[in-house]
Amino acid sequence: EAAGSGVIAALGHSDATYEQTLAGIDAGASVATHLYNAMPPLHH
């Protein structure tokens, strides 16, 4: 809805998995809100 309305969707303040994040990008998200902060840290 946001992307279709010309609003930039940004992913952040999120506990998403890798796969859930990719799904958000596929849905139209194009920005990471303050990368690293307010999201799970990198894990191998």
PDB file of all heavy atoms in Angstrom:
ATOM      1  N   GLU A   1       0.833  -1.203   0.000  1.00  0.00           N
ATOM      2  CA  GLU A   1       0.000   0.000   0.000  1.00  0.00           C
ATOM      3  C   GLU A   1       0.869   1.254   0.000  1.00  0.00           C
ATOM      4  O   GLU A   1       0.608   2.210  -0.744  1.00  0.00           O
ATOM      5  CB  GLU A   1      -0.911   0.003   1.227  1.00  0.00           C
ATOM      6  CG  GLU A   1      -1.664   1.303   1.486  1.00  0.00           C
ATOM      7  CD  GLU A   1      -2.751   1.587   0.463  1.00  0.00           C
ATOM      8  OE1 GLU A   1      -3.197   0.641  -0.231  1.00  0.00           O
ATOM      9  OE2 GLU A   1      -3.155   2.761   0.361  1.00  0.00           O
ATOM     10  N   ALA A   2       1.910   1.249   0.833  1.00  0.00           N
ATOM     11  CA  ALA A   2       2.803   2.409   0.900  1.00  0.00           C
ATOM     12  C   ALA A   2       3.497   2.629  -0.442  1.00  0.00           C
ATOM     13  O   ALA A   2       3.454   3.737  -1.009  1.00  0.00           O
ATOM     14  CB  ALA A   2       3.831   2.222   2.007  1.00  0.00           C
ATOM     15  N   ALA A   3       4.127   1.586  -0.954  1.00  0.00           N
ATOM     16  CA  ALA A   3       4.871   1.719  -2.209  1.00  0.00           C
ATOM     17  C   ALA A   3       3.945   2.136  -3.351  1.00  0.00           C
ATOM     18  O   ALA A   3       4.308   2.962  -4.199  1.00  0.00           O
ATOM     19  CB  ALA A   3       5.581   0.414  -2.526  1.00  0.00           C
ATOM     20  N   GLY A   4       2.737   1.582  -3.369  1.00  0.00           N
ATOM     21  CA  GLY A   4       1.787   1.936  -4.412  1.00  0.00           C
ATOM     22  C   GLY A   4       1.285   3.362  -4.306  1.00  0.00           C
ATOM     23  O   GLY A   4       0.784   3.922  -5.293  1.00  0.00           O
ATOM     24  N   SER A   5       1.420   3.955  -3.119  1.00  0.00           N
ATOM     25  CA  SER A   5       1.006   5.341  -2.895  1.00  0.00           C
ATOM     26  C   SER A   5       2.167   6.317  -3.031  1.00  0.00           C
ATOM     27  O   SER A   5       2.010   7.509  -2.712  1.00  0.00           O
ATOM     28  CB  SER A   5       0.375   5.477  -1.500  1.00  0.00           C
ATOM     29  OG  SER A   5      -0.747   4.632  -1.359  1.00  0.00           O
ATOM     30  N   GLY A   6       3.313   5.832  -3.462  1.00  0.00           N
ATOM     31  CA  GLY A   6       4.480   6.695  -3.619  1.00  0.00           C
ATOM     32  C   GLY A   6       5.217   6.976  -2.336  1.00  0.00           C
ATOM     33  O   GLY A   6       6.014   7.923  -2.270  1.00  0.00           O
ATOM     34  N   VAL A   7       4.972   6.166  -1.307  1.00  0.00           N
ATOM     35  CA  VAL A   7       5.645   6.330  -0.019  1.00  0.00           C
ATOM     36  C   VAL A   7       6.769   5.305   0.084  1.00  0.00           C
ATOM     37  O   VAL A   7       6.572   4.123  -0.227  1.00  0.00           O
ATOM     38  CB  VAL A   7       4.651   6.146   1.146  1.00  0.00           C
ATOM     39  CG1 VAL A   7       5.364   6.185   2.495  1.00  0.00           C
ATOM     40  CG2 VAL A   7       3.559   7.209   1.080  1.00  0.00           C
ATOM     41  N   ILE A   8       7.941   5.736   0.512  1.00  0.00           N
ATOM     42  CA  ILE A   8       9.088   4.844   0.669  1.00  0.00           C
ATOM     43  C   ILE A   8       8.852   3.952   1.879  1.00  0.00           C
ATOM     44  O   ILE A   8       8.651   4.442   2.993  1.00  0.00           O
ATOM     45  CB  ILE A   8      10.383   5.656   0.877  1.00  0.00           C
ATOM     46  CG1 ILE A   8      10.619   6.604  -0.300  1.00  0.00           C
ATOM     47  CG2 ILE A   8      11.579   4.738   1.100  1.00  0.00           C
ATOM     48  CD1 ILE A   8      11.413   7.834   0.075  1.00  0.00           C
ATOM     49  N   ALA A   9       8.864   2.643   1.660  1.00  0.00           N
ATOM     50  CA  ALA A   9       8.754   1.704   2.774  1.00  0.00           C
ATOM     51  C   ALA A   9      10.158   1.364   3.256  1.00  0.00           C
ATOM     52  O   ALA A   9      11.015   0.952   2.462  1.00  0.00           O
ATOM     53  CB  ALA A   9       8.014   0.446   2.346  1.00  0.00           C
ATOM     54  N   ALA A  10      10.384   1.552   4.549  1.00  0.00           N
ATOM     55  CA  ALA A  10      11.694   1.303   5.147  1.00  0.00           C
ATOM     56  C   ALA A  10      11.548   0.222   6.207  1.00  0.00           C
ATOM     57  O   ALA A  10      10.633   0.273   7.030  1.00  0.00           O
ATOM     58  CB  ALA A  10      12.244   2.582   5.773  1.00  0.00           C
ATOM     59  N   LEU A  11      12.426  -0.742   6.193  1.00  0.00           N
ATOM     60  CA  LEU A  11      12.384  -1.828   7.168  1.00  0.00           C
ATOM     61  C   LEU A  11      13.262  -1.485   8.359  1.00  0.00           C
ATOM     62  O   LEU A  11      14.427  -1.109   8.201  1.00  0.00           O
ATOM     63  CB  LEU A  11      12.846  -3.131   6.525  1.00  0.00           C
ATOM     64  CG  LEU A  11      12.017  -3.599   5.321  1.00  0.00           C
ATOM     65  CD1 LEU A  11      12.551  -4.925   4.780  1.00  0.00           C
ATOM     66  CD2 LEU A  11      10.548  -3.732   5.682  1.00  0.00           C
ATOM     67  N   GLY A  12      12.699  -1.609   9.564  1.00  0.00           N
ATOM     68  CA  GLY A  12      13.463  -1.291  10.756  1.00  0.00           C
ATOM     69  C   GLY A  12      12.658  -1.488  12.017  1.00  0.00           C
ATOM     70  O   GLY A  12      11.466  -1.807  11.959  1.00  0.00           O
ATOM     71  N   HIS A  13      13.320  -1.314  13.167  1.00  0.00           N
ATOM     72  CA  HIS A  13      12.693  -1.635  14.459  1.00  0.00           C
ATOM     73  C   HIS A  13      11.996  -2.983  14.324  1.00  0.00           C
ATOM     74  O   HIS A  13      10.802  -3.124  14.596  1.00  0.00           O
ATOM     75  CB  HIS A  13      11.720  -0.538  14.877  1.00  0.00           C
ATOM     76  CG  HIS A  13      12.408   0.677  15.424  1.00  0.00           C
ATOM     77  ND1 HIS A  13      12.864   0.738  16.727  1.00  0.00           N
ATOM     78  CD2 HIS A  13      12.724   1.853  14.847  1.00  0.00           C
ATOM     79  CE1 HIS A  13      13.423   1.919  16.924  1.00  0.00           C
ATOM     80  NE2 HIS A  13      13.363   2.602  15.797  1.00  0.00           N
ATOM     81  N   SER A  14      12.791  -3.960  13.907  1.00  0.00           N
ATOM     82  CA  SER A  14      12.243  -5.233  13.448  1.00  0.00           C
ATOM     83  C   SER A  14      12.984  -6.406  14.068  1.00  0.00           C
ATOM     84  O   SER A  14      14.201  -6.353  14.266  1.00  0.00           O
ATOM     85  CB  SER A  14      12.366  -5.290  11.915  1.00  0.00           C
ATOM     86  OG  SER A  14      12.074  -6.576  11.426  1.00  0.00           O
ATOM     87  N   ASP A  15      12.253  -7.475  14.336  1.00  0.00           N
ATOM     88  CA  ASP A  15      12.833  -8.724  14.825  1.00  0.00           C
ATOM     89  C   ASP A  15      12.749  -9.796  13.743  1.00  0.00           C
ATOM     90  O   ASP A  15      12.754 -10.995  14.035  1.00  0.00           O
ATOM     91  CB  ASP A  15      12.088  -9.182  16.088  1.00  0.00           C
ATOM     92  CG  ASP A  15      12.956 -10.024  17.011  1.00  0.00           C
ATOM     93  OD1 ASP A  15      14.169  -9.765  17.090  1.00  0.00           O
ATOM     94  OD2 ASP A  15      12.415 -10.935  17.657  1.00  0.00           O
ATOM     95  N   ALA A  16      12.683  -9.369  12.494  1.00  0.00           N
ATOM     96  CA  ALA A  16      12.448 -10.276  11.368  1.00  0.00           C
ATOM     97  C   ALA A  16      13.623 -11.219  11.135  1.00  0.00           C
ATOM     98  O   ALA A  16      14.783 -10.901  11.436  1.00  0.00           O
ATOM     99  CB  ALA A  16      12.183  -9.475  10.096  1.00  0.00           C
ATOM    100  N   THR A  17      13.311 -12.352  10.551  1.00  0.00           N
ATOM    101  CA  THR A  17      14.340 -13.266  10.053  1.00  0.00           C
ATOM    102  C   THR A  17      14.872 -12.751   8.721  1.00  0.00           C
ATOM    103  O   THR A  17      14.334 -11.802   8.129  1.00  0.00           O
ATOM    104  CB  THR A  17      13.754 -14.669   9.842  1.00  0.00           C
ATOM    105  OG1 THR A  17      12.763 -14.596   8.794  1.00  0.00           O
ATOM    106  CG2 THR A  17      13.125 -15.215  11.118  1.00  0.00           C
ATOM    107  N   TYR A  18      15.908 -13.406   8.257  1.00  0.00           N
ATOM    108  CA  TYR A  18      16.457 -13.097   6.925  1.00  0.00           C
ATOM    109  C   TYR A  18      15.367 -13.237   5.867  1.00  0.00           C
ATOM    110  O   TYR A  18      15.182 -12.349   5.017  1.00  0.00           O
ATOM    111  CB  TYR A  18      17.619 -14.045   6.651  1.00  0.00           C
ATOM    112  CG  TYR A  18      18.279 -13.906   5.301  1.00  0.00           C
ATOM    113  CD1 TYR A  18      19.275 -12.950   5.095  1.00  0.00           C
ATOM    114  CD2 TYR A  18      17.944 -14.747   4.241  1.00  0.00           C
ATOM    115  CE1 TYR A  18      19.894 -12.816   3.853  1.00  0.00           C
ATOM    116  CE2 TYR A  18      18.564 -14.632   3.014  1.00  0.00           C
ATOM    117  CZ  TYR A  18      19.539 -13.670   2.824  1.00  0.00           C
ATOM    118  OH  TYR A  18      20.153 -13.555   1.599  1.00  0.00           O
ATOM    119  N   GLU A  19      14.621 -14.339   5.932  1.00  0.00           N
ATOM    120  CA  GLU A  19      13.604 -14.617   4.921  1.00  0.00           C
ATOM    121  C   GLU A  19      12.451 -13.620   4.997  1.00  0.00           C
ATOM    122  O   GLU A  19      11.933 -13.161   3.965  1.00  0.00           O
ATOM    123  CB  GLU A  19      13.082 -16.049   5.084  1.00  0.00           C
ATOM    124  CG  GLU A  19      14.081 -17.133   4.744  1.00  0.00           C
ATOM    125  CD  GLU A  19      15.153 -17.355   5.830  1.00  0.00           C
ATOM    126  OE1 GLU A  19      14.939 -16.864   6.974  1.00  0.00           O
ATOM    127  OE2 GLU A  19      16.175 -17.995   5.530  1.00  0.00           O
ATOM    128  N   GLN A  20      12.029 -13.252   6.197  1.00  0.00           N
ATOM    129  CA  GLN A  20      10.952 -12.272   6.342  1.00  0.00           C
ATOM    130  C   GLN A  20      11.381 -10.899   5.825  1.00  0.00           C
ATOM    131  O   GLN A  20      10.577 -10.171   5.231  1.00  0.00           O
ATOM    132  CB  GLN A  20      10.538 -12.173   7.812  1.00  0.00           C
ATOM    133  CG  GLN A  20       9.783 -13.386   8.321  1.00  0.00           C
ATOM    134  CD  GLN A  20       9.596 -13.378   9.824  1.00  0.00           C
ATOM    135  OE1 GLN A  20      10.471 -12.890  10.570  1.00  0.00           O
ATOM    136  NE2 GLN A  20       8.477 -13.912  10.295  1.00  0.00           N
ATOM    137  N   THR A  21      12.640 -10.569   6.039  1.00  0.00           N
ATOM    138  CA  THR A  21      13.145  -9.291   5.537  1.00  0.00           C
ATOM    139  C   THR A  21      13.146  -9.280   4.020  1.00  0.00           C
ATOM    140  O   THR A  21      12.725  -8.295   3.394  1.00  0.00           O
ATOM    141  CB  THR A  21      14.558  -9.025   6.082  1.00  0.00           C
ATOM    142  OG1 THR A  21      14.534  -9.074   7.510  1.00  0.00           O
ATOM    143  CG2 THR A  21      15.067  -7.671   5.634  1.00  0.00           C
ATOM    144  N   LEU A  22      13.593 -10.359   3.402  1.00  0.00           N
ATOM    145  CA  LEU A  22      13.572 -10.434   1.937  1.00  0.00           C
ATOM    146  C   LEU A  22      12.149 -10.328   1.410  1.00  0.00           C
ATOM    147  O   LEU A  22      11.914  -9.701   0.364  1.00  0.00           O
ATOM    148  CB  LEU A  22      14.214 -11.743   1.467  1.00  0.00           C
ATOM    149  CG  LEU A  22      15.731 -11.850   1.608  1.00  0.00           C
ATOM    150  CD1 LEU A  22      16.210 -13.197   1.087  1.00  0.00           C
ATOM    151  CD2 LEU A  22      16.440 -10.716   0.868  1.00  0.00           C
ATOM    152  N   ALA A  23      11.195 -10.924   2.124  1.00  0.00           N
ATOM    153  CA  ALA A  23       9.801 -10.812   1.707  1.00  0.00           C
ATOM    154  C   ALA A  23       9.345  -9.356   1.742  1.00  0.00           C
ATOM    155  O   ALA A  23       8.591  -8.905   0.859  1.00  0.00           O
ATOM    156  CB  ALA A  23       8.911 -11.674   2.592  1.00  0.00           C
ATOM    157  N   GLY A  24       9.795  -8.608   2.745  1.00  0.00           N
ATOM    158  CA  GLY A  24       9.469  -7.195   2.812  1.00  0.00           C
ATOM    159  C   GLY A  24      10.065  -6.411   1.658  1.00  0.00           C
ATOM    160  O   GLY A  24       9.424  -5.504   1.104  1.00  0.00           O
ATOM    161  N   ILE A  25      11.282  -6.756   1.286  1.00  0.00           N
ATOM    162  CA  ILE A  25      11.919  -6.092   0.142  1.00  0.00           C
ATOM    163  C   ILE A  25      11.170  -6.436  -1.136  1.00  0.00           C
ATOM    164  O   ILE A  25      10.890  -5.565  -1.975  1.00  0.00           O
ATOM    165  CB  ILE A  25      13.398  -6.493   0.053  1.00  0.00           C
ATOM    166  CG1 ILE A  25      14.156  -6.036   1.306  1.00  0.00           C
ATOM    167  CG2 ILE A  25      14.047  -5.895  -1.197  1.00  0.00           C
ATOM    168  CD1 ILE A  25      15.549  -6.619   1.444  1.00  0.00           C
ATOM    169  N   ASP A  26      10.815  -7.697  -1.299  1.00  0.00           N
ATOM    170  CA  ASP A  26      10.066  -8.107  -2.483  1.00  0.00           C
ATOM    171  C   ASP A  26       8.714  -7.398  -2.562  1.00  0.00           C
ATOM    172  O   ASP A  26       8.197  -7.145  -3.659  1.00  0.00           O
ATOM    173  CB  ASP A  26       9.852  -9.622  -2.486  1.00  0.00           C
ATOM    174  CG  ASP A  26      11.122 -10.403  -2.779  1.00  0.00           C
ATOM    175  OD1 ASP A  26      12.059  -9.820  -3.365  1.00  0.00           O
ATOM    176  OD2 ASP A  26      11.180 -11.595  -2.411  1.00  0.00           O
ATOM    177  N   ALA A  27       8.134  -7.069  -1.403  1.00  0.00           N
ATOM    178  CA  ALA A  27       6.850  -6.376  -1.382  1.00  0.00           C
ATOM    179  C   ALA A  27       6.981  -4.896  -1.738  1.00  0.00           C
ATOM    180  O   ALA A  27       5.974  -4.233  -2.009  1.00  0.00           O
ATOM    181  CB  ALA A  27       6.201  -6.513  -0.011  1.00  0.00           C
ATOM    182  N   GLY A  28       8.216  -4.376  -1.723  1.00  0.00           N
ATOM    183  CA  GLY A  28       8.430  -2.993  -2.139  1.00  0.00           C
ATOM    184  C   GLY A  28       9.262  -2.134  -1.229  1.00  0.00           C
ATOM    185  O   GLY A  28       9.493  -0.958  -1.519  1.00  0.00           O
ATOM    186  N   ALA A  29       9.746  -2.685  -0.102  1.00  0.00           N
ATOM    187  CA  ALA A  29      10.595  -1.889   0.797  1.00  0.00           C
ATOM    188  C   ALA A  29      11.940  -1.615   0.130  1.00  0.00           C
ATOM    189  O   ALA A  29      12.511  -2.493  -0.514  1.00  0.00           O
ATOM    190  CB  ALA A  29      10.797  -2.602   2.125  1.00  0.00           C
ATOM    191  N   SER A  30      12.463  -0.393   0.322  1.00  0.00           N
ATOM    192  CA  SER A  30      13.696  -0.017  -0.381  1.00  0.00           C
ATOM    193  C   SER A  30      14.712   0.708   0.496  1.00  0.00           C
ATOM    194  O   SER A  30      15.752   1.141  -0.005  1.00  0.00           O
ATOM    195  CB  SER A  30      13.355   0.870  -1.588  1.00  0.00           C
ATOM    196  OG  SER A  30      12.661   2.035  -1.174  1.00  0.00           O
ATOM    197  N   VAL A  31      14.429   0.841   1.804  1.00  0.00           N
ATOM    198  CA  VAL A  31      15.345   1.525   2.724  1.00  0.00           C
ATOM    199  C   VAL A  31      15.451   0.698   3.997  1.00  0.00           C
ATOM    200  O   VAL A  31      14.487   0.051   4.418  1.00  0.00           O
ATOM    201  CB  VAL A  31      14.848   2.954   3.045  1.00  0.00           C
ATOM    202  CG1 VAL A  31      15.614   3.566   4.217  1.00  0.00           C
ATOM    203  CG2 VAL A  31      14.976   3.851   1.817  1.00  0.00           C
ATOM    204  N   ALA A  32      16.632   0.721   4.614  1.00  0.00           N
ATOM    205  CA  ALA A  32      16.844   0.131   5.940  1.00  0.00           C
ATOM    206  C   ALA A  32      16.936   1.267   6.950  1.00  0.00           C
ATOM    207  O   ALA A  32      17.859   2.088   6.875  1.00  0.00           O
ATOM    208  CB  ALA A  32      18.120  -0.697   5.968  1.00  0.00           C
ATOM    209  N   THR A  33      15.970   1.333   7.870  1.00  0.00           N
ATOM    210  CA  THR A  33      16.000   2.372   8.897  1.00  0.00           C
ATOM    211  C   THR A  33      17.144   2.103   9.874  1.00  0.00           C
ATOM    212  O   THR A  33      17.229   1.039  10.458  1.00  0.00           O
ATOM    213  CB  THR A  33      14.662   2.416   9.655  1.00  0.00           C
ATOM    214  OG1 THR A  33      13.642   2.859   8.757  1.00  0.00           O
ATOM    215  CG2 THR A  33      14.724   3.355  10.845  1.00  0.00           C
ATOM    216  N   HIS A  34      18.024   3.095  10.021  1.00  0.00           N
ATOM    217  CA  HIS A  34      19.248   3.025  10.829  1.00  0.00           C
ATOM    218  C   HIS A  34      19.746   1.575  10.978  1.00  0.00           C
ATOM    219  O   HIS A  34      19.589   0.947  12.020  1.00  0.00           O
ATOM    220  CB  HIS A  34      19.126   3.731  12.175  1.00  0.00           C
ATOM    221  CG  HIS A  34      17.885   3.508  12.976  1.00  0.00           C
ATOM    222  ND1 HIS A  34      17.398   2.255  13.297  1.00  0.00           N
ATOM    223  CD2 HIS A  34      17.056   4.396  13.566  1.00  0.00           C
ATOM    224  CE1 HIS A  34      16.327   2.384  14.040  1.00  0.00           C
ATOM    225  NE2 HIS A  34      16.096   3.675  14.207  1.00  0.00           N
ATOM    226  N   LEU A  35      20.368   1.102   9.900  1.00  0.00           N
ATOM    227  CA  LEU A  35      20.910  -0.260   9.854  1.00  0.00           C
ATOM    228  C   LEU A  35      21.699  -0.581  11.128  1.00  0.00           C
ATOM    229  O   LEU A  35      22.415   0.266  11.652  1.00  0.00           O
ATOM    230  CB  LEU A  35      21.832  -0.415   8.644  1.00  0.00           C
ATOM    231  CG  LEU A  35      22.343  -1.840   8.411  1.00  0.00           C
ATOM    232  CD1 LEU A  35      21.250  -2.709   7.801  1.00  0.00           C
ATOM    233  CD2 LEU A  35      23.574  -1.832   7.522  1.00  0.00           C
ATOM    234  N   TYR A  36      21.548  -1.829  11.581  1.00  0.00           N
ATOM    235  CA  TYR A  36      22.160  -2.392  12.789  1.00  0.00           C
ATOM    236  C   TYR A  36      21.350  -2.072  14.045  1.00  0.00           C
ATOM    237  O   TYR A  36      21.184  -2.937  14.909  1.00  0.00           O
ATOM    238  CB  TYR A  36      23.595  -1.910  13.029  1.00  0.00           C
ATOM    239  CG  TYR A  36      24.606  -2.205  11.963  1.00  0.00           C
ATOM    240  CD1 TYR A  36      25.299  -1.164  11.349  1.00  0.00           C
ATOM    241  CD2 TYR A  36      24.907  -3.508  11.583  1.00  0.00           C
ATOM    242  CE1 TYR A  36      26.270  -1.420  10.392  1.00  0.00           C
ATOM    243  CE2 TYR A  36      25.872  -3.763  10.613  1.00  0.00           C
ATOM    244  CZ  TYR A  36      26.553  -2.718  10.018  1.00  0.00           C
ATOM    245  OH  TYR A  36      27.508  -2.960   9.080  1.00  0.00           O
ATOM    246  N   ASN A  37      20.879  -0.836  14.173  1.00  0.00           N
ATOM    247  CA  ASN A  37      20.185  -0.450  15.396  1.00  0.00           C
ATOM    248  C   ASN A  37      18.726  -0.898  15.350  1.00  0.00           C
ATOM    249  O   ASN A  37      18.058  -0.783  14.330  1.00  0.00           O
ATOM    250  CB  ASN A  37      20.266   1.064  15.609  1.00  0.00           C
ATOM    251  CG  ASN A  37      21.691   1.528  15.826  1.00  0.00           C
ATOM    252  OD1 ASN A  37      22.256   2.231  14.999  1.00  0.00           O
ATOM    253  ND2 ASN A  37      22.289   1.113  16.925  1.00  0.00           N
ATOM    254  N   ALA A  38      18.227  -1.408  16.494  1.00  0.00           N
ATOM    255  CA  ALA A  38      16.846  -1.868  16.644  1.00  0.00           C
ATOM    256  C   ALA A  38      16.524  -3.027  15.709  1.00  0.00           C
ATOM    257  O   ALA A  38      15.446  -3.097  15.126  1.00  0.00           O
ATOM    258  CB  ALA A  38      15.860  -0.718  16.446  1.00  0.00           C
ATOM    259  N   MET A  39      17.475  -3.950  15.578  1.00  0.00           N
ATOM    260  CA  MET A  39      17.256  -5.190  14.830  1.00  0.00           C
ATOM    261  C   MET A  39      18.242  -6.235  15.343  1.00  0.00           C
ATOM    262  O   MET A  39      19.253  -5.891  15.963  1.00  0.00           O
ATOM    263  CB  MET A  39      17.404  -4.963  13.321  1.00  0.00           C
ATOM    264  CG  MET A  39      18.732  -4.428  12.861  1.00  0.00           C
ATOM    265  SD  MET A  39      18.785  -4.078  11.062  1.00  0.00           S
ATOM    266  CE  MET A  39      17.590  -2.749  10.897  1.00  0.00           C
ATOM    267  N   PRO A  40      17.969  -7.529  15.119  1.00  0.00           N
ATOM    268  CA  PRO A  40      18.883  -8.565  15.614  1.00  0.00           C
ATOM    269  C   PRO A  40      20.275  -8.416  14.998  1.00  0.00           C
ATOM    270  O   PRO A  40      20.409  -8.045  13.834  1.00  0.00           O
ATOM    271  CB  PRO A  40      18.222  -9.873  15.155  1.00  0.00           C
ATOM    272  CG  PRO A  40      16.808  -9.530  14.881  1.00  0.00           C
ATOM    273  CD  PRO A  40      16.800  -8.105  14.432  1.00  0.00           C
ATOM    274  N   PRO A  41      21.314  -8.739  15.761  1.00  0.00           N
ATOM    275  CA  PRO A  41      22.674  -8.649  15.212  1.00  0.00           C
ATOM    276  C   PRO A  41      22.947  -9.760  14.212  1.00  0.00           C
ATOM    277  O   PRO A  41      22.229 -10.758  14.152  1.00  0.00           O
ATOM    278  CB  PRO A  41      23.563  -8.794  16.454  1.00  0.00           C
ATOM    279  CG  PRO A  41      22.727  -9.589  17.409  1.00  0.00           C
ATOM    280  CD  PRO A  41      21.316  -9.153  17.174  1.00  0.00           C
ATOM    281  N   LEU A  42      23.986  -9.564  13.434  1.00  0.00           N
ATOM    282  CA  LEU A  42      24.430 -10.614  12.516  1.00  0.00           C
ATOM    283  C   LEU A  42      24.800 -11.879  13.292  1.00  0.00           C
ATOM    284  O   LEU A  42      25.428 -11.806  14.346  1.00  0.00           O
ATOM    285  CB  LEU A  42      25.655 -10.137  11.725  1.00  0.00           C
ATOM    286  CG  LEU A  42      25.424  -9.168  10.569  1.00  0.00           C
ATOM    287  CD1 LEU A  42      26.753  -8.573  10.124  1.00  0.00           C
ATOM    288  CD2 LEU A  42      24.741  -9.869   9.400  1.00  0.00           C
ATOM    289  N   HIS A  43      24.400 -13.022  12.741  1.00  0.00           N
ATOM    290  CA  HIS A  43      24.765 -14.316  13.328  1.00  0.00           C
ATOM    291  C   HIS A  43      25.041 -15.268  12.181  1.00  0.00           C
ATOM    292  O   HIS A  43      24.332 -15.267  11.172  1.00  0.00           O
ATOM    293  CB  HIS A  43      23.636 -14.844  14.210  1.00  0.00           C
ATOM    294  CG  HIS A  43      23.988 -16.084  14.973  1.00  0.00           C
ATOM    295  ND1 HIS A  43      23.933 -17.342  14.405  1.00  0.00           N
ATOM    296  CD2 HIS A  43      24.406 -16.264  16.257  1.00  0.00           C
ATOM    297  CE1 HIS A  43      24.294 -18.250  15.306  1.00  0.00           C
ATOM    298  NE2 HIS A  43      24.590 -17.616  16.441  1.00  0.00           N
ATOM    299  N   HIS A  44      26.058 -16.111  12.338  1.00  0.00           N
ATOM    300  CA  HIS A  44      26.497 -16.926  11.205  1.00  0.00           C
ATOM    301  C   HIS A  44      25.490 -17.999  10.802  1.00  0.00           C
ATOM    302  O   HIS A  44      25.542 -18.501   9.669  1.00  0.00           O
ATOM    303  CB  HIS A  44      27.865 -17.565  11.501  1.00  0.00           C
ATOM    304  CG  HIS A  44      27.914 -18.361  12.761  1.00  0.00           C
ATOM    305  ND1 HIS A  44      27.888 -17.770  14.003  1.00  0.00           N
ATOM    306  CD2 HIS A  44      27.989 -19.696  12.979  1.00  0.00           C
ATOM    307  CE1 HIS A  44      27.947 -18.704  14.936  1.00  0.00           C
ATOM    308  NE2 HIS A  44      28.002 -19.879  14.344  1.00  0.00           N
TER     309      HIS A  44
END
